C-alpha atoms as a PDB file:
ATOM      1  CA  UNK A   1      -0.433  -0.364   0.334  1.00  0.00           C
ATOM      2  CA  UNK A   2       2.814   2.751   1.114  1.00  0.00           C
ATOM      3  CA  UNK A   3       4.156   1.529  -2.164  1.00  0.00           C
ATOM      4  CA  UNK A   4       1.595   2.692  -4.229  1.00  0.00           C
ATOM      5  CA  UNK A   5       0.601   5.912  -1.962  1.00  0.00           C
ATOM      6  CA  UNK A   6       4.731   7.357  -2.685  1.00  0.00           C
ATOM      7  CA  UNK A   7       3.589   5.620  -7.013  1.00  0.00           C
ATOM      8  CA  UNK A   8       0.284   7.921  -6.892  1.00  0.00           C
ATOM      9  CA  UNK A   9       2.444  10.684  -4.710  1.00  0.00           C
ATOM     10  CA  UNK A  10       5.698  11.490  -7.920  1.00  0.00           C
ATOM     11  CA  UNK A  11       3.481  10.499 -10.320  1.00  0.00           C
ATOM     12  CA  UNK A  12       1.315  13.400  -9.231  1.00  0.00           C
ATOM     13  CA  UNK A  13       3.975  16.285  -9.254  1.00  0.00           C
ATOM     14  CA  UNK A  14       5.688  14.778 -12.177  1.00  0.00           C
ATOM     15  CA  UNK A  15       1.705  16.243 -14.061  1.00  0.00           C
ATOM     16  CA  UNK A  16       2.428  19.291 -11.781  1.00  0.00           C
ATOM     17  CA  UNK A  17       5.983  20.458 -13.424  1.00  0.00           C
ATOM     18  CA  UNK A  18       4.397  19.226 -17.375  1.00  0.00           C
ATOM     19  CA  UNK A  19       1.110  21.134 -16.450  1.00  0.00           C
ATOM     20  CA  UNK A  20       2.884  24.150 -15.449  1.00  0.00           C
ATOM     21  CA  UNK A  21       5.218  24.123 -18.034  1.00  0.00           C
ATOM     22  CA  UNK A  22       2.548  23.945 -20.568  1.00  0.00           C
ATOM     23  CA  UNK A  23       0.767  26.230 -19.300  1.00  0.00           C
ATOM     24  CA  UNK A  24       3.487  29.192 -19.056  1.00  0.00           C
ATOM     25  CA  UNK A  25       4.530  28.119 -22.739  1.00  0.00           C
ATOM     26  CA  UNK A  26       1.091  29.030 -23.247  1.00  0.00           C
ATOM     27  CA  UNK A  27       1.116  32.754 -21.757  1.00  0.00           C
ATOM     28  CA  UNK A  28       4.123  33.478 -23.927  1.00  0.00           C
ATOM     29  CA  UNK A  29       2.717  35.645 -26.671  1.00  0.00           C
ATOM     30  CA  UNK A  30       4.330  38.574 -29.245  1.00  0.00           C
ATOM     31  CA  UNK A  31       3.698  42.126 -28.380  1.00  0.00           C
ATOM     32  CA  UNK A  32       3.496  43.549 -32.079  1.00  0.00           C
ATOM     33  CA  UNK A  33       4.861  47.287 -32.784  1.00  0.00           C
ATOM     34  CA  UNK A  34       1.620  48.864 -34.390  1.00  0.00           C
ATOM     35  CA  UNK A  35       3.387  50.574 -37.603  1.00  0.00           C
ATOM     36  CA  UNK A  36       1.872  53.495 -39.495  1.00  0.00           C
ATOM     37  CA  UNK A  37       3.328  53.131 -43.311  1.00  0.00           C
ATOM     38  CA  UNK A  38       5.501  50.816 -45.023  1.00  0.00           C
ATOM     39  CA  UNK A  39       7.241  53.400 -48.262  1.00  0.00           C
ATOM     40  CA  UNK A  40       8.851  51.312 -51.001  1.00  0.00           C
ATOM     41  CA  UNK A  41      11.658  52.987 -52.721  1.00  0.00           C
ATOM     42  CA  UNK A  42      14.113  51.499 -55.492  1.00  0.00           C
ATOM     43  CA  UNK A  43      17.591  52.505 -54.993  1.00  0.00           C
ATOM     44  CA  UNK A  44      17.540  53.446 -58.584  1.00  0.00           C
ATOM     45  CA  UNK A  45      14.594  54.976 -60.556  1.00  0.00           C
ATOM     46  CA  UNK A  46      13.485  53.235 -62.691  1.00  0.00           C
ATOM     47  CA  UNK A  47      15.341  50.096 -62.040  1.00  0.00           C
ATOM     48  CA  UNK A  48      12.650  48.053 -60.187  1.00  0.00           C
ATOM     49  CA  UNK A  49       8.944  48.851 -59.268  1.00  0.00           C
ATOM     50  CA  UNK A  50       6.528  47.679 -56.904  1.00  0.00           C
ATOM     51  CA  UNK A  51       3.349  45.706 -57.967  1.00  0.00           C
ATOM     52  CA  UNK A  52       0.705  44.944 -55.930  1.00  0.00           C
ATOM     53  CA  UNK A  53      -1.145  42.289 -56.679  1.00  0.00           C
ATOM     54  CA  UNK A  54      -5.023  40.890 -56.375  1.00  0.00           C
ATOM     55  CA  UNK A  55      -7.160  44.284 -57.321  1.00  0.00           C
ATOM     56  CA  UNK A  56      -5.092  45.985 -54.144  1.00  0.00           C
ATOM     57  CA  UNK A  57      -4.482  50.147 -54.296  1.00  0.00           C
ATOM     58  CA  UNK A  58      -1.312  50.647 -51.339  1.00  0.00           C
ATOM     59  CA  UNK A  59       0.799  47.982 -50.131  1.00  0.00           C
ATOM     60  CA  UNK A  60      -1.498  48.646 -46.069  1.00  0.00           C
ATOM     61  CA  UNK A  61      -1.296  44.080 -46.809  1.00  0.00           C
ATOM     62  CA  UNK A  62       2.191  44.149 -46.354  1.00  0.00           C
ATOM     63  CA  UNK A  63       0.766  45.473 -42.211  1.00  0.00           C
ATOM     64  CA  UNK A  64      -2.619  44.275 -41.874  1.00  0.00           C
ATOM     65  CA  UNK A  65      -1.189  41.474 -39.953  1.00  0.00           C
ATOM     66  CA  UNK A  66      -1.781  38.318 -42.368  1.00  0.00           C
ATOM     67  CA  UNK A  67       0.946  36.191 -43.955  1.00  0.00           C
ATOM     68  CA  UNK A  68      -1.031  34.329 -45.645  1.00  0.00           C
ATOM     69  CA  UNK A  69       1.435  30.953 -44.269  1.00  0.00           C
ATOM     70  CA  UNK A  70       0.931  28.160 -46.040  1.00  0.00           C
ATOM     71  CA  UNK A  71      -1.266  28.480 -49.015  1.00  0.00           C
ATOM     72  CA  UNK A  72      -0.060  27.453 -52.424  1.00  0.00           C
ATOM     73  CA  UNK A  73      -0.925  31.348 -53.359  1.00  0.00           C
ATOM     74  CA  UNK A  74      -0.887  32.662 -56.836  1.00  0.00           C
ATOM     75  CA  UNK A  75       1.157  35.620 -58.284  1.00  0.00           C
ATOM     76  CA  UNK A  76      -2.103  37.228 -58.270  1.00  0.00           C
ATOM     77  CA  UNK A  77      -3.680  37.288 -55.617  1.00  0.00           C
ATOM     78  CA  UNK A  78      -4.516  39.017 -53.741  1.00  0.00           C
ATOM     79  CA  UNK A  79      -2.308  40.383 -49.944  1.00  0.00           C
ATOM     80  CA  UNK A  80       0.376  40.137 -52.337  1.00  0.00           C
ATOM     81  CA  UNK A  81       3.084  41.995 -53.310  1.00  0.00           C
ATOM     82  CA  UNK A  82       5.878  41.694 -55.800  1.00  0.00           C
ATOM     83  CA  UNK A  83       9.020  43.949 -56.885  1.00  0.00           C
ATOM     84  CA  UNK A  84       9.977  43.325 -60.041  1.00  0.00           C
ATOM     85  CA  UNK A  85      13.407  44.331 -61.924  1.00  0.00           C
ATOM     86  CA  UNK A  86      13.578  45.719 -64.687  1.00  0.00           C
ATOM     87  CA  UNK A  87      17.454  44.011 -65.958  1.00  0.00           C
ATOM     88  CA  UNK A  88      16.835  40.147 -65.298  1.00  0.00           C
ATOM     89  CA  UNK A  89      18.241  40.224 -68.455  1.00  0.00           C
ATOM     90  CA  UNK A  90      21.919  42.195 -67.885  1.00  0.00           C
ATOM     91  CA  UNK A  91      23.920  39.397 -65.506  1.00  0.00           C
ATOM     92  CA  UNK A  92      25.881  42.501 -64.770  1.00  0.00           C
ATOM     93  CA  UNK A  93      23.015  44.363 -63.278  1.00  0.00           C
ATOM     94  CA  UNK A  94      21.485  43.291 -58.957  1.00  0.00           C
ATOM     95  CA  UNK A  95      19.173  46.234 -58.529  1.00  0.00           C
ATOM     96  CA  UNK A  96      18.995  47.585 -55.245  1.00  0.00           C
ATOM     97  CA  UNK A  97      15.151  48.322 -53.530  1.00  0.00           C
ATOM     98  CA  UNK A  98      13.903  49.386 -49.452  1.00  0.00           C
ATOM     99  CA  UNK A  99      10.899  49.118 -47.967  1.00  0.00           C
ATOM    100  CA  UNK A 100      11.106  51.424 -44.818  1.00  0.00           C
ATOM    101  CA  UNK A 101       8.918  50.925 -42.538  1.00  0.00           C
ATOM    102  CA  UNK A 102       7.487  53.117 -39.894  1.00  0.00           C
ATOM    103  CA  UNK A 103       5.568  53.072 -36.270  1.00  0.00           C
ATOM    104  CA  UNK A 104       2.824  55.101 -34.945  1.00  0.00           C
ATOM    105  CA  UNK A 105       4.774  55.957 -32.152  1.00  0.00           C
ATOM    106  CA  UNK A 106       9.366  55.206 -31.001  1.00  0.00           C
ATOM    107  CA  UNK A 107       9.252  51.927 -29.524  1.00  0.00           C
ATOM    108  CA  UNK A 108      12.338  48.969 -28.597  1.00  0.00           C
ATOM    109  CA  UNK A 109      12.573  45.713 -30.173  1.00  0.00           C
ATOM    110  CA  UNK A 110      15.095  42.686 -31.491  1.00  0.00           C
ATOM    111  CA  UNK A 111      13.069  41.079 -34.088  1.00  0.00           C
ATOM    112  CA  UNK A 112      11.923  41.154 -37.739  1.00  0.00           C
ATOM    113  CA  UNK A 113       9.508  38.842 -39.468  1.00  0.00           C
ATOM    114  CA  UNK A 114       9.211  38.663 -43.840  1.00  0.00           C
ATOM    115  CA  UNK A 115       6.625  36.646 -45.567  1.00  0.00           C
ATOM    116  CA  UNK A 116       8.723  35.648 -47.992  1.00  0.00           C
ATOM    117  CA  UNK A 117       5.919  34.887 -50.980  1.00  0.00           C
ATOM    118  CA  UNK A 118       8.041  32.048 -53.801  1.00  0.00           C
ATOM    119  CA  UNK A 119       6.836  31.166 -57.106  1.00  0.00           C
ATOM    120  CA  UNK A 120       9.744  29.370 -58.874  1.00  0.00           C
ATOM    121  CA  UNK A 121       8.840  29.151 -62.088  1.00  0.00           C
ATOM    122  CA  UNK A 122       7.715  32.071 -62.041  1.00  0.00           C
ATOM    123  CA  UNK A 123      10.618  33.402 -61.702  1.00  0.00           C
ATOM    124  CA  UNK A 124      10.074  34.951 -58.179  1.00  0.00           C
ATOM    125  CA  UNK A 125      13.381  33.903 -56.088  1.00  0.00           C
ATOM    126  CA  UNK A 126      15.227  35.761 -53.150  1.00  0.00           C
ATOM    127  CA  UNK A 127      17.208  38.722 -52.207  1.00  0.00           C
ATOM    128  CA  UNK A 128      21.066  38.446 -53.703  1.00  0.00           C
ATOM    129  CA  UNK A 129      22.805  35.867 -50.927  1.00  0.00           C
ATOM    130  CA  UNK A 130      19.005  35.707 -48.792  1.00  0.00           C
ATOM    131  CA  UNK A 131      20.559  39.054 -47.843  1.00  0.00           C
ATOM    132  CA  UNK A 132      18.521  41.981 -45.981  1.00  0.00           C
ATOM    133  CA  UNK A 133      20.330  45.019 -45.084  1.00  0.00           C
ATOM    134  CA  UNK A 134      18.661  45.942 -41.749  1.00  0.00           C
ATOM    135  CA  UNK A 135      18.168  49.507 -40.875  1.00  0.00           C
ATOM    136  CA  UNK A 136      17.339  51.625 -37.840  1.00  0.00           C
ATOM    137  CA  UNK A 137      15.825  55.610 -37.045  1.00  0.00           C
ATOM    138  CA  UNK A 138      14.631  58.560 -35.007  1.00  0.00           C
ATOM    139  CA  UNK A 139      13.492  60.457 -37.546  1.00  0.00           C
ATOM    140  CA  UNK A 140      13.367  58.928 -40.985  1.00  0.00           C
ATOM    141  CA  UNK A 141      16.597  60.914 -41.752  1.00  0.00           C
ATOM    142  CA  UNK A 142      19.461  59.972 -39.457  1.00  0.00           C
ATOM    143  CA  UNK A 143      19.595  55.922 -40.543  1.00  0.00           C
ATOM    144  CA  UNK A 144      22.146  53.298 -38.412  1.00  0.00           C
ATOM    145  CA  UNK A 145      22.995  49.738 -39.344  1.00  0.00           C
ATOM    146  CA  UNK A 146      22.031  47.331 -36.670  1.00  0.00           C
ATOM    147  CA  UNK A 147      22.860  44.602 -39.463  1.00  0.00           C
ATOM    148  CA  UNK A 148      23.165  42.552 -42.330  1.00  0.00           C
ATOM    149  CA  UNK A 149      21.209  39.166 -41.839  1.00  0.00           C
ATOM    150  CA  UNK A 150      20.381  35.987 -43.684  1.00  0.00           C
ATOM    151  CA  UNK A 151      17.147  33.785 -44.759  1.00  0.00           C
ATOM    152  CA  UNK A 152      17.123  30.497 -44.993  1.00  0.00           C
ATOM    153  CA  UNK A 153      16.304  28.335 -47.611  1.00  0.00           C
ATOM    154  CA  UNK A 154      15.996  28.932 -50.962  1.00  0.00           C
ATOM    155  CA  UNK A 155      13.436  29.032 -54.492  1.00  0.00           C
ATOM    156  CA  UNK A 156      12.461  24.972 -54.748  1.00  0.00           C
ATOM    157  CA  UNK A 157      11.325  24.006 -58.031  1.00  0.00           C
ATOM    158  CA  UNK A 158       7.210  23.513 -58.844  1.00  0.00           C
ATOM    159  CA  UNK A 159       7.324  25.389 -54.952  1.00  0.00           C
ATOM    160  CA  UNK A 160       4.277  28.514 -55.184  1.00  0.00           C
ATOM    161  CA  UNK A 161       4.465  29.148 -50.681  1.00  0.00           C
ATOM    162  CA  UNK A 162       4.742  32.025 -48.409  1.00  0.00           C
ATOM    163  CA  UNK A 163       7.154  31.755 -45.671  1.00  0.00           C
ATOM    164  CA  UNK A 164       7.902  33.079 -42.700  1.00  0.00           C
ATOM    165  CA  UNK A 165      11.340  34.307 -42.100  1.00  0.00           C
ATOM    166  CA  UNK A 166      11.856  35.296 -38.923  1.00  0.00           C
ATOM    167  CA  UNK A 167      15.224  37.364 -38.056  1.00  0.00           C
ATOM    168  CA  UNK A 168      16.526  37.644 -34.379  1.00  0.00           C
ATOM    169  CA  UNK A 169      18.272  41.080 -34.098  1.00  0.00           C
ATOM    170  CA  UNK A 170      21.074  39.575 -31.556  1.00  0.00           C
ATOM    171  CA  UNK A 171      20.269  43.010 -29.799  1.00  0.00           C
ATOM    172  CA  UNK A 172      17.872  45.224 -28.979  1.00  0.00           C
ATOM    173  CA  UNK A 173      16.917  48.395 -30.849  1.00  0.00           C
ATOM    174  CA  UNK A 174      15.160  51.612 -30.496  1.00  0.00           C
ATOM    175  CA  UNK A 175      13.338  53.512 -32.840  1.00  0.00           C
ATOM    176  CA  UNK A 176      10.675  55.241 -34.845  1.00  0.00           C
ATOM    177  CA  UNK A 177      11.083  53.851 -38.434  1.00  0.00           C
ATOM    178  CA  UNK A 178      13.567  50.674 -39.335  1.00  0.00           C
ATOM    179  CA  UNK A 179      14.569  50.591 -43.100  1.00  0.00           C
ATOM    180  CA  UNK A 180      14.635  46.881 -45.227  1.00  0.00           C
ATOM    181  CA  UNK A 181      17.065  46.837 -48.102  1.00  0.00           C
ATOM    182  CA  UNK A 182      16.844  43.737 -50.685  1.00  0.00           C
ATOM    183  CA  UNK A 183      19.142  42.991 -53.730  1.00  0.00           C
ATOM    184  CA  UNK A 184      18.967  40.402 -56.470  1.00  0.00           C
ATOM    185  CA  UNK A 185      20.311  37.938 -57.277  1.00  0.00           C
ATOM    186  CA  UNK A 186      21.788  35.594 -59.702  1.00  0.00           C
ATOM    187  CA  UNK A 187      19.172  32.587 -60.524  1.00  0.00           C
ATOM    188  CA  UNK A 188      19.526  28.787 -62.722  1.00  0.00           C
ATOM    189  CA  UNK A 189      18.261  30.194 -65.668  1.00  0.00           C
ATOM    190  CA  UNK A 190      20.384  30.759 -68.712  1.00  0.00           C
ATOM    191  CA  UNK A 191      17.988  32.789 -70.297  1.00  0.00           C
ATOM    192  CA  UNK A 192      17.159  34.753 -67.329  1.00  0.00           C
ATOM    193  CA  UNK A 193      20.521  35.393 -65.713  1.00  0.00           C
ATOM    194  CA  UNK A 194      19.293  37.883 -62.531  1.00  0.00           C
ATOM    195  CA  UNK A 195      15.846  37.092 -60.900  1.00  0.00           C
ATOM    196  CA  UNK A 196      12.855  38.717 -62.509  1.00  0.00           C
ATOM    197  CA  UNK A 197      10.919  39.461 -58.999  1.00  0.00           C
ATOM    198  CA  UNK A 198      10.762  39.298 -55.500  1.00  0.00           C
ATOM    199  CA  UNK A 199       7.229  38.827 -53.424  1.00  0.00           C
ATOM    200  CA  UNK A 200       5.840  39.505 -50.362  1.00  0.00           C
ATOM    201  CA  UNK A 201       2.968  38.649 -47.912  1.00  0.00           C
ATOM    202  CA  UNK A 202       4.124  40.561 -44.471  1.00  0.00           C
ATOM    203  CA  UNK A 203       6.189  42.740 -42.797  1.00  0.00           C
ATOM    204  CA  UNK A 204       6.299  41.665 -38.996  1.00  0.00           C
ATOM    205  CA  UNK A 205       8.165  43.775 -35.905  1.00  0.00           C
ATOM    206  CA  UNK A 206       8.062  42.255 -32.509  1.00  0.00           C
ATOM    207  CA  UNK A 207       8.758  44.636 -29.360  1.00  0.00           C
ATOM    208  CA  UNK A 208      11.276  43.635 -26.915  1.00  0.00           C
ATOM    209  CA  UNK A 209      10.528  43.127 -23.018  1.00  0.00           C
ATOM    210  CA  UNK A 210      11.946  45.530 -21.660  1.00  0.00           C
ATOM    211  CA  UNK A 211      11.814  45.902 -18.110  1.00  0.00           C
ATOM    212  CA  UNK A 212      11.132  49.630 -16.478  1.00  0.00           C
ATOM    213  CA  UNK A 213      13.250  50.268 -13.754  1.00  0.00           C
ATOM    214  CA  UNK A 214      11.846  53.375 -11.396  1.00  0.00           C
ATOM    215  CA  UNK A 215      14.602  56.185 -11.588  1.00  0.00           C
ATOM    216  CA  UNK A 216      12.628  58.628  -8.921  1.00  0.00           C
ATOM    217  CA  UNK A 217      15.314  60.662  -6.766  1.00  0.00           C
ATOM    218  CA  UNK A 218      14.140  60.143  -3.051  1.00  0.00           C
ATOM    219  CA  UNK A 219      12.216  62.472  -1.957  1.00  0.00           C
ATOM    220  CA  UNK A 220      13.934  65.816  -0.210  1.00  0.00           C
ATOM    221  CA  UNK A 221      14.772  66.355   3.479  1.00  0.00           C
ATOM    222  CA  UNK A 222      12.953  69.067   4.423  1.00  0.00           C
ATOM    223  CA  UNK A 223      15.127  72.323   5.644  1.00  0.00           C
ATOM    224  CA  UNK A 224      15.089  73.683   9.760  1.00  0.00           C
ATOM    225  CA  UNK A 225      12.872  76.227   9.861  1.00  0.00           C
ATOM    226  CA  UNK A 226      15.768  79.065  10.231  1.00  0.00           C
ATOM    227  CA  UNK A 227      15.867  80.129  13.661  1.00  0.00           C
ATOM    228  CA  UNK A 228      13.783  83.581  14.341  1.00  0.00           C
ATOM    229  CA  UNK A 229      15.835  86.423  15.990  1.00  0.00           C
ATOM    230  CA  UNK A 230      15.518  87.684  18.867  1.00  0.00           C
ATOM    231  CA  UNK A 231      13.845  91.183  19.324  1.00  0.00           C
ATOM    232  CA  UNK A 232      16.086  94.331  19.949  1.00  0.00           C
ATOM    233  CA  UNK A 233      15.539  95.388  22.718  1.00  0.00           C
ATOM    234  CA  UNK A 234      13.497  97.956  23.612  1.00  0.00           C
ATOM    235  CA  UNK A 235      14.436 102.237  24.197  1.00  0.00           C
ATOM    236  CA  UNK A 236      12.675 102.813  27.392  1.00  0.00           C
ATOM    237  CA  UNK A 237      11.025 105.365  26.365  1.00  0.00           C
ATOM    238  CA  UNK A 238       8.770 102.756  24.255  1.00  0.00           C
ATOM    239  CA  UNK A 239       8.218  99.003  25.996  1.00  0.00           C
ATOM    240  CA  UNK A 240       9.087  96.467  23.239  1.00  0.00           C
ATOM    241  CA  UNK A 241       6.699  94.548  21.199  1.00  0.00           C
ATOM    242  CA  UNK A 242       7.915  91.292  22.076  1.00  0.00           C
ATOM    243  CA  UNK A 243       8.761  89.457  18.563  1.00  0.00           C
ATOM    244  CA  UNK A 244       6.383  87.111  16.550  1.00  0.00           C
ATOM    245  CA  UNK A 245       7.166  83.364  18.009  1.00  0.00           C
ATOM    246  CA  UNK A 246       8.339  81.946  14.457  1.00  0.00           C
ATOM    247  CA  UNK A 247       6.326  78.895  13.022  1.00  0.00           C
ATOM    248  CA  UNK A 248       7.794  75.854  12.860  1.00  0.00           C
ATOM    249  CA  UNK A 249       8.043  74.116   9.811  1.00  0.00           C
ATOM    250  CA  UNK A 250       5.515  71.233   8.908  1.00  0.00           C
ATOM    251  CA  UNK A 251       7.773  68.195   9.263  1.00  0.00           C
ATOM    252  CA  UNK A 252       8.169  66.720   5.926  1.00  0.00           C
ATOM    253  CA  UNK A 253       6.477  62.837   4.893  1.00  0.00           C
ATOM    254  CA  UNK A 254       8.163  60.338   4.287  1.00  0.00           C
ATOM    255  CA  UNK A 255       8.239  58.605   0.905  1.00  0.00           C
ATOM    256  CA  UNK A 256       5.954  56.392   0.641  1.00  0.00           C
ATOM    257  CA  UNK A 257       7.871  53.188   0.817  1.00  0.00           C
ATOM    258  CA  UNK A 258       6.864  51.109  -2.667  1.00  0.00           C
ATOM    259  CA  UNK A 259       5.519  48.441  -2.009  1.00  0.00           C
ATOM    260  CA  UNK A 260       6.800  45.013  -3.054  1.00  0.00           C
ATOM    261  CA  UNK A 261       4.651  42.884  -6.150  1.00  0.00           C
ATOM    262  CA  UNK A 262       3.233  40.066  -5.516  1.00  0.00           C
ATOM    263  CA  UNK A 263       3.795  37.788  -7.962  1.00  0.00           C
ATOM    264  CA  UNK A 264       0.210  36.230  -9.577  1.00  0.00           C
ATOM    265  CA  UNK A 265      -0.223  32.953  -9.281  1.00  0.00           C
ATOM    266  CA  UNK A 266      -2.113  31.288 -12.764  1.00  0.00           C
ATOM    267  CA  UNK A 267      -5.255  28.808 -12.847  1.00  0.00           C
ATOM    268  CA  UNK A 268      -2.473  26.096 -13.941  1.00  0.00           C
ATOM    269  CA  UNK A 269      -0.500  26.850 -10.355  1.00  0.00           C
ATOM    270  CA  UNK A 270      -3.386  26.356  -7.976  1.00  0.00           C
ATOM    271  CA  UNK A 271      -4.999  23.463  -9.982  1.00  0.00           C
ATOM    272  CA  UNK A 272      -1.955  21.983  -9.557  1.00  0.00           C
ATOM    273  CA  UNK A 273      -0.638  22.632  -5.861  1.00  0.00           C
ATOM    274  CA  UNK A 274      -4.427  21.352  -5.946  1.00  0.00           C
ATOM    275  CA  UNK A 275      -4.309  18.296  -7.022  1.00  0.00           C
ATOM    276  CA  UNK A 276      -0.779  17.513  -5.233  1.00  0.00           C
ATOM    277  CA  UNK A 277      -2.512  18.473  -1.636  1.00  0.00           C
ATOM    278  CA  UNK A 278      -5.378  16.384  -2.185  1.00  0.00           C
ATOM    279  CA  UNK A 279      -3.429  13.149  -3.043  1.00  0.00           C
ATOM    280  CA  UNK A 280      -0.945  13.637  -0.656  1.00  0.00           C
ATOM    281  CA  UNK A 281      -4.244  14.235   2.371  1.00  0.00           C
ATOM    282  CA  UNK A 282      -4.956  11.292   0.502  1.00  0.00           C
ATOM    283  CA  UNK A 283      -2.553   9.565   0.799  1.00  0.00           C
ATOM    284  CA  UNK A 284      -1.923  10.401   5.028  1.00  0.00           C
ATOM    285  CA  UNK A 285      -5.565   8.688   5.266  1.00  0.00           C
ATOM    286  CA  UNK A 286      -4.727   5.605   3.428  1.00  0.00           C
ATOM    287  CA  UNK A 287      -0.932   5.226   5.529  1.00  0.00           C
ATOM    288  CA  UNK A 288      -3.027   6.163   8.896  1.00  0.00           C
ATOM    289  CA  UNK A 289      -5.892   3.541   8.187  1.00  0.00           C
ATOM    290  CA  UNK A 290      -3.093   0.794   7.028  1.00  0.00           C
ATOM    291  CA  UNK A 291      -1.191   0.887  10.783  1.00  0.00           C
END
């Protein structure tokens, strides 16, 4: 009987730990930085042109929250934006362009996501060397390079799909603007040496978990009241009027002490504790009766 009780308690402990880990992972959600606009710009005007598909009138589909992940989208589908290289037949040219993302407010972030559409047979491929350059700016004029990052994978034969590429910046970055830069690379086709198209469905920026530190200055100590100056002695002819007593300065109130924050126990933790407690209590009763 004792062995059975011990086994039950061990199983309860294992279930509690596993359930707690599951609940913790479930609570972790990404916080997206709110995007105000996305602006396309060719490095050399006329070399590259943006084309919004599916009857769209602007590229707002690039920040509507829909990556169209896992769907075999055709190259005319709504929600897709294509960027065309006008010099696909010139192997010596690798035109460049960029997308500037403007946030609704200055934000701190550490991850960028790109929804890249790939259609091998339609000449819609990867950027040159799978590279994307990322810069940040506070005002949209002065830029700081965050780094050059590689996109994983390659355009595969007969593939028509949207793949989400998650770029971990490796640092925490703050700004109001982010610029993503791309260039066209060599294609696998002999008759068309440079990729003709790039395709995008979404840009997203993930906010960083920032710990806010209270740097408020401690309350200033009260200044002691100045001692009153004794009244000068009066002349014999007139009685001196006693000097008014100085009003003592009000005692300064000490700054309120910060209250410790009590961590909130989630429902999963409460349920797990209840299960363990019930099993432990039942085990104790059984042991007592067995004696």
